[in-house]
Amino acid sequence: MEPMKPVLSDSVELSLVVPCYNENPHIETLLQGWVEEISEKGITYEIIAINDGSLDGTGRILDKLRKENKEVRVVHQLNMGHVRACRRGYEMARGHYVLCVSANGRFEPSDFSPLWNARENHLMVLGSRTHRLDGFISKRFTSFVRMLASQLFGIRLEEPGIPFRLFLRQPTLSLLKEVPMDWESFHWAMTILLSLRFPGRVIEAKVPYRHRLERQSPFRRTGFISLAWTYLCEALSLKVSLLRKKNEPLSLESQMQAPI
C-alpha cells in the first residue's frame, strides 16, 4: 500500500472504521481499494482496522499495512463480535465524518460516492441495497427490524440497521452512552435515536447489492429466531427508556436553563 496524504495531527475529514475477523485472503486488496477511492476525492482520512481476534494471520497483514501507510491505525482485541469492534472504532475516530465498512466485500469502494454526495445537510446516510438477492431468512430479518422501527418509533427506513453508514462524528457519537455496550441492535438503535432527536436528518442512499466474499449468509433458522428475539427485547427496552425520559420532571438546573 503506497503512502498517501498524511494524517492531520488533530483531525481528518473521514475516519474509515473496518472491523476484521479472519480476512486474510482479501483484506490487503480491500483496504488498498478504499485508500485509492478516498484519495482520488482529495479527502484527508484515517483507516481504523479493528482486528477482532482473527486466527488466520489477519493481524500480521494489518500490522504490515500500518508500517507502510501512516494513515492506517490497527487495534488488536480478543474476539468480541462485529458490533463491539465497530463501536471501539467509532470511539477512536478523529474524523469529521465516520464511515463503517465491513471487510466481507458486501460493499465496495465505488459505493462510497452515493453516501458522500448525499451528506450535505444530513447527520447520517445509510447505504440501502438495491436488487437484494439474500436468502429468505435474511430478507425476513430485514423486514422485521424495519417493522420495529416503524411500529415502535415511527421511523420509516428500508434498512435502519445497516452497518454501512456515513455519519457526522458529532453529535452522533454523543448518543453512544444511551446504547448499552452489549446490544446486538447497536447500529439500529443509533439510527433510531438520531432520527428521533434530529427529524429528517437521517437518509438513505442507494448502493448496488453485492454478495459477501465468502458467499455465506450469517443467518440460519435458529440464529434468526434468537437474533430477532434479541432485537425485539432491546427495541422494547429502548422504547421504555425513552418514555421514562419523556415523563421525567426537569431537574432544578434544567428548569433554570429552559427558555421562558
Protein backbone atom coordinates (compact mmCIF):
# COMPACT_ATOMS: atom_id res chain seq x y z
CA MET A 1 0.00 0.00 0.00
CA GLU A 2 1.57 3.29 -1.08
CA PRO A 3 1.70 6.16 1.40
CA MET A 4 -0.90 8.80 0.64
CA LYS A 5 -1.83 12.14 2.17
CA PRO A 6 -0.52 12.44 5.76
CA VAL A 7 -2.95 12.32 8.64
CA LEU A 8 -3.55 15.64 10.37
CA SER A 9 -2.42 15.69 13.98
CA ASP A 10 -5.81 16.52 15.48
CA SER A 11 -8.48 15.52 12.99
CA VAL A 12 -9.19 14.41 9.45
CA GLU A 13 -12.21 14.67 7.19
CA LEU A 14 -13.03 10.97 7.27
CA SER A 15 -12.42 8.04 9.61
CA LEU A 16 -12.91 4.67 7.92
CA VAL A 17 -13.72 2.01 10.54
CA VAL A 18 -13.10 -1.56 9.34
CA PRO A 19 -13.87 -4.45 11.74
CA CYS A 20 -11.85 -7.50 10.70
CA TYR A 21 -12.22 -11.16 11.60
CA ASN A 22 -10.30 -13.80 9.60
CA GLU A 23 -9.99 -11.64 6.47
CA ASN A 24 -6.54 -12.91 5.39
CA PRO A 25 -7.30 -13.73 1.73
CA HIS A 26 -8.55 -10.29 0.76
CA ILE A 27 -8.01 -7.63 3.43
CA GLU A 28 -4.94 -6.04 1.82
CA THR A 29 -6.63 -5.67 -1.57
CA LEU A 30 -9.81 -4.38 0.05
CA LEU A 31 -8.04 -1.67 2.04
CA GLN A 32 -5.95 -0.66 -0.96
CA GLY A 33 -9.15 -0.15 -2.93
CA TRP A 34 -10.58 2.10 -0.25
CA VAL A 35 -7.36 4.11 0.00
CA GLU A 36 -7.42 4.75 -3.74
CA GLU A 37 -11.11 5.70 -3.77
CA ILE A 38 -10.86 8.16 -0.89
CA SER A 39 -7.54 9.65 -2.02
CA GLU A 40 -8.90 10.33 -5.51
CA LYS A 41 -11.50 12.59 -3.93
CA GLY A 42 -8.81 14.58 -2.11
CA ILE A 43 -10.22 13.67 1.31
CA THR A 44 -7.95 13.58 4.33
CA TYR A 45 -8.57 10.29 6.12
CA GLU A 46 -7.56 7.64 8.56
CA ILE A 47 -8.30 3.91 8.49
CA ILE A 48 -9.06 2.27 11.84
CA ALA A 49 -8.79 -1.50 11.42
CA ILE A 50 -10.08 -3.47 14.41
CA ASN A 51 -8.63 -6.98 14.41
CA ASP A 52 -11.34 -8.82 16.33
CA GLY A 53 -9.38 -11.86 17.46
CA SER A 54 -8.56 -13.20 13.98
CA LEU A 55 -6.85 -16.61 13.85
CA ASP A 56 -5.71 -16.66 10.21
CA GLY A 57 -2.90 -14.09 10.15
CA THR A 58 -5.11 -11.08 9.50
CA GLY A 59 -3.40 -9.27 12.37
CA ARG A 60 0.04 -9.67 10.80
CA ILE A 61 -1.20 -8.28 7.49
CA LEU A 62 -2.74 -5.28 9.22
CA ASP A 63 0.50 -4.61 11.10
CA LYS A 64 2.37 -4.73 7.80
CA LEU A 65 -0.05 -2.21 6.26
CA ARG A 66 0.30 0.03 9.29
CA LYS A 67 4.07 0.19 8.76
CA GLU A 68 3.63 1.02 5.08
CA ASN A 69 0.89 3.63 5.48
CA LYS A 70 0.75 6.17 8.28
CA GLU A 71 -2.99 6.63 7.76
CA VAL A 72 -3.66 3.08 8.98
CA ARG A 73 -4.32 2.55 12.68
CA VAL A 74 -4.62 -1.02 13.94
CA VAL A 75 -6.18 -2.32 17.15
CA HIS A 76 -5.89 -5.95 18.22
CA GLN A 77 -8.51 -7.30 20.59
CA LEU A 78 -9.99 -10.60 21.70
CA ASN A 79 -12.94 -11.76 19.64
CA MET A 80 -15.90 -9.72 20.90
CA GLY A 81 -18.04 -9.61 17.78
CA HIS A 82 -18.78 -7.23 14.94
CA VAL A 83 -20.78 -4.73 17.00
CA ARG A 84 -18.11 -4.32 19.70
CA ALA A 85 -15.41 -3.94 17.05
CA CYS A 86 -17.37 -1.21 15.25
CA ARG A 87 -18.10 0.58 18.48
CA ARG A 88 -14.45 0.61 19.51
CA GLY A 89 -13.51 2.04 16.14
CA TYR A 90 -16.12 4.78 16.47
CA GLU A 91 -14.79 5.76 19.88
CA MET A 92 -11.28 6.07 18.45
CA ALA A 93 -12.31 8.05 15.37
CA ARG A 94 -10.93 11.56 14.84
CA GLY A 95 -12.66 12.31 11.56
CA HIS A 96 -15.34 14.91 10.98
CA TYR A 97 -17.25 12.07 9.30
CA VAL A 98 -17.12 8.36 10.14
CA LEU A 99 -17.74 5.56 7.63
CA CYS A 100 -18.25 1.95 8.70
CA VAL A 101 -17.17 -0.71 6.19
CA SER A 102 -17.38 -4.47 6.71
CA ALA A 103 -14.44 -6.42 5.35
CA ASN A 104 -16.63 -9.13 3.81
CA GLY A 105 -16.91 -7.49 0.39
CA ARG A 106 -20.61 -6.71 0.68
CA PHE A 107 -19.77 -3.06 -0.08
CA GLU A 108 -17.04 -1.87 -2.43
CA PRO A 109 -15.12 1.43 -2.64
CA SER A 110 -17.27 2.59 -5.56
CA ASP A 111 -20.27 2.51 -3.18
CA PHE A 112 -18.75 5.39 -1.21
CA SER A 113 -19.71 8.18 -3.62
CA PRO A 114 -23.52 7.93 -3.19
CA LEU A 115 -23.14 8.31 0.57
CA TRP A 116 -20.54 11.08 0.41
CA ASN A 117 -22.52 13.05 -2.18
CA ALA A 118 -25.70 12.86 -0.07
CA ARG A 119 -24.12 14.01 3.19
CA GLU A 120 -24.92 17.73 2.90
CA ASN A 121 -27.49 18.90 5.47
CA HIS A 122 -27.73 15.40 6.94
CA LEU A 123 -26.24 13.77 10.00
CA MET A 124 -26.31 10.18 8.76
CA VAL A 125 -26.52 8.50 5.36
CA LEU A 126 -27.34 4.78 5.27
CA GLY A 127 -26.42 2.54 2.37
CA SER A 128 -29.66 0.96 1.18
CA ARG A 129 -29.04 -2.01 -1.10
CA THR A 130 -30.82 -2.41 -4.43
CA HIS A 131 -31.93 -5.69 -6.03
CA ARG A 132 -31.28 -7.70 -2.89
CA LEU A 133 -30.57 -11.37 -3.58
CA ASP A 134 -30.32 -12.51 0.05
CA GLY A 135 -31.90 -15.71 1.22
CA PHE A 136 -35.43 -15.86 2.57
CA ILE A 137 -34.39 -15.71 6.24
CA SER A 138 -32.09 -12.73 5.77
CA LYS A 139 -34.82 -10.79 3.95
CA ARG A 140 -37.33 -11.59 6.66
CA PHE A 141 -34.97 -10.33 9.32
CA THR A 142 -34.52 -7.03 7.48
CA SER A 143 -38.30 -6.72 7.21
CA PHE A 144 -38.61 -7.45 10.92
CA VAL A 145 -36.20 -4.72 12.07
CA ARG A 146 -37.81 -2.30 9.60
CA MET A 147 -41.18 -3.08 11.18
CA LEU A 148 -39.79 -2.49 14.70
CA ALA A 149 -38.51 0.93 13.66
CA SER A 150 -41.83 1.85 12.07
CA GLN A 151 -44.28 0.47 14.63
CA LEU A 152 -42.43 1.41 17.82
CA PHE A 153 -40.83 4.70 16.80
CA GLY A 154 -42.49 5.91 13.59
CA ILE A 155 -39.16 5.72 11.70
CA ARG A 156 -39.59 4.58 8.11
CA LEU A 157 -36.32 3.48 6.54
CA GLU A 158 -35.59 0.49 4.32
CA GLU A 159 -32.55 -0.74 6.26
CA PRO A 160 -32.26 1.11 9.59
CA GLY A 161 -29.77 -1.41 10.97
CA ILE A 162 -27.33 -1.50 8.05
CA PRO A 163 -23.72 -1.13 9.28
CA PHE A 164 -22.62 0.57 6.03
CA ARG A 165 -23.23 4.16 7.08
CA LEU A 166 -21.63 7.58 6.91
CA PHE A 167 -22.27 9.92 9.80
CA LEU A 168 -21.07 13.10 11.43
CA ARG A 169 -18.95 12.13 14.41
CA GLN A 170 -20.61 14.82 16.48
CA PRO A 171 -23.40 14.79 17.56
CA THR A 172 -23.89 11.14 16.56
CA LEU A 173 -21.32 9.68 18.92
CA SER A 174 -22.77 11.61 21.84
CA LEU A 175 -25.61 9.08 21.62
CA LEU A 176 -23.26 6.16 22.34
CA LYS A 177 -23.83 6.40 26.08
CA GLU A 178 -27.54 5.82 25.57
CA VAL A 179 -26.98 2.42 23.96
CA PRO A 180 -25.70 -0.40 26.22
CA MET A 181 -22.33 -1.83 25.23
CA ASP A 182 -23.62 -5.37 24.70
CA TRP A 183 -26.62 -4.58 22.47
CA GLU A 184 -26.69 -6.52 19.21
CA SER A 185 -29.01 -3.85 17.78
CA PHE A 186 -26.40 -1.12 18.34
CA HIS A 187 -26.42 0.23 14.75
CA TRP A 188 -30.21 0.04 14.56
CA ALA A 189 -30.55 1.85 17.90
CA MET A 190 -28.12 4.58 16.74
CA THR A 191 -30.34 5.18 13.72
CA ILE A 192 -33.49 5.35 15.84
CA LEU A 193 -32.04 7.77 18.39
CA LEU A 194 -30.57 10.09 15.79
CA SER A 195 -33.77 10.07 13.73
CA LEU A 196 -35.89 10.94 16.76
CA ARG A 197 -33.59 13.67 18.01
CA PHE A 198 -32.98 15.23 14.59
CA PRO A 199 -36.03 14.52 12.38
CA GLY A 200 -35.30 14.45 8.67
CA ARG A 201 -31.52 14.40 9.13
CA VAL A 202 -31.10 10.64 8.54
CA ILE A 203 -31.50 9.49 4.93
CA GLU A 204 -30.70 6.51 2.73
CA ALA A 205 -28.65 6.37 -0.46
CA LYS A 206 -29.00 3.50 -2.91
CA VAL A 207 -25.98 1.25 -3.45
CA PRO A 208 -25.74 -1.97 -5.51
CA TYR A 209 -26.34 -5.33 -3.89
CA ARG A 210 -23.21 -7.48 -3.68
CA HIS A 211 -22.57 -10.99 -2.40
CA ARG A 212 -20.29 -11.47 0.55
CA LEU A 213 -16.82 -12.64 -0.37
CA GLU A 214 -17.43 -15.96 1.39
CA ARG A 215 -20.90 -16.07 -0.19
CA GLN A 216 -22.45 -17.38 3.01
CA SER A 217 -25.25 -15.76 4.91
CA PRO A 218 -24.74 -15.49 8.67
CA PHE A 219 -28.41 -16.34 9.19
CA ARG A 220 -29.71 -19.78 9.99
CA ARG A 221 -33.24 -20.53 11.09
CA THR A 222 -32.33 -20.96 14.77
CA GLY A 223 -29.96 -17.98 14.63
CA PHE A 224 -32.66 -15.81 13.08
CA ILE A 225 -35.15 -16.57 15.83
CA SER A 226 -32.60 -15.85 18.55
CA LEU A 227 -31.41 -12.60 16.95
CA ALA A 228 -34.97 -11.43 16.22
CA TRP A 229 -35.88 -12.02 19.87
CA THR A 230 -32.80 -10.08 20.98
CA TYR A 231 -33.71 -7.13 18.72
CA LEU A 232 -37.29 -7.16 20.00
CA CYS A 233 -36.20 -7.09 23.64
CA GLU A 234 -33.68 -4.32 23.01
CA ALA A 235 -36.18 -2.30 20.98
CA LEU A 236 -38.76 -2.52 23.77
CA SER A 237 -36.10 -1.57 26.30
CA LEU A 238 -35.20 1.48 24.22
CA LYS A 239 -38.88 2.43 23.92
CA VAL A 240 -39.38 2.21 27.69
CA SER A 241 -36.21 4.20 28.34
CA LEU A 242 -37.31 7.00 26.01
CA LEU A 243 -40.79 7.10 27.56
CA ARG A 244 -39.30 7.37 31.04
CA LYS A 245 -37.07 10.24 29.99
CA LYS A 246 -40.01 11.98 28.38
CA ASN A 247 -42.03 11.73 31.58
CA GLU A 248 -39.22 12.61 33.98
CA PRO A 249 -39.64 16.01 35.65
CA LEU A 250 -36.97 18.55 34.78
CA SER A 251 -34.21 18.93 37.33
CA LEU A 252 -33.83 22.33 39.01
CA GLU A 253 -30.77 23.01 36.84
CA SER A 254 -32.67 22.12 33.68
CA GLN A 255 -35.60 24.34 34.69
CA MET A 256 -33.26 27.27 35.23
CA GLN A 257 -31.71 26.73 31.81
CA ALA A 258 -35.01 26.22 29.99
CA PRO A 259 -36.13 29.14 27.80
CA ILE A 260 -39.04 31.15 29.14
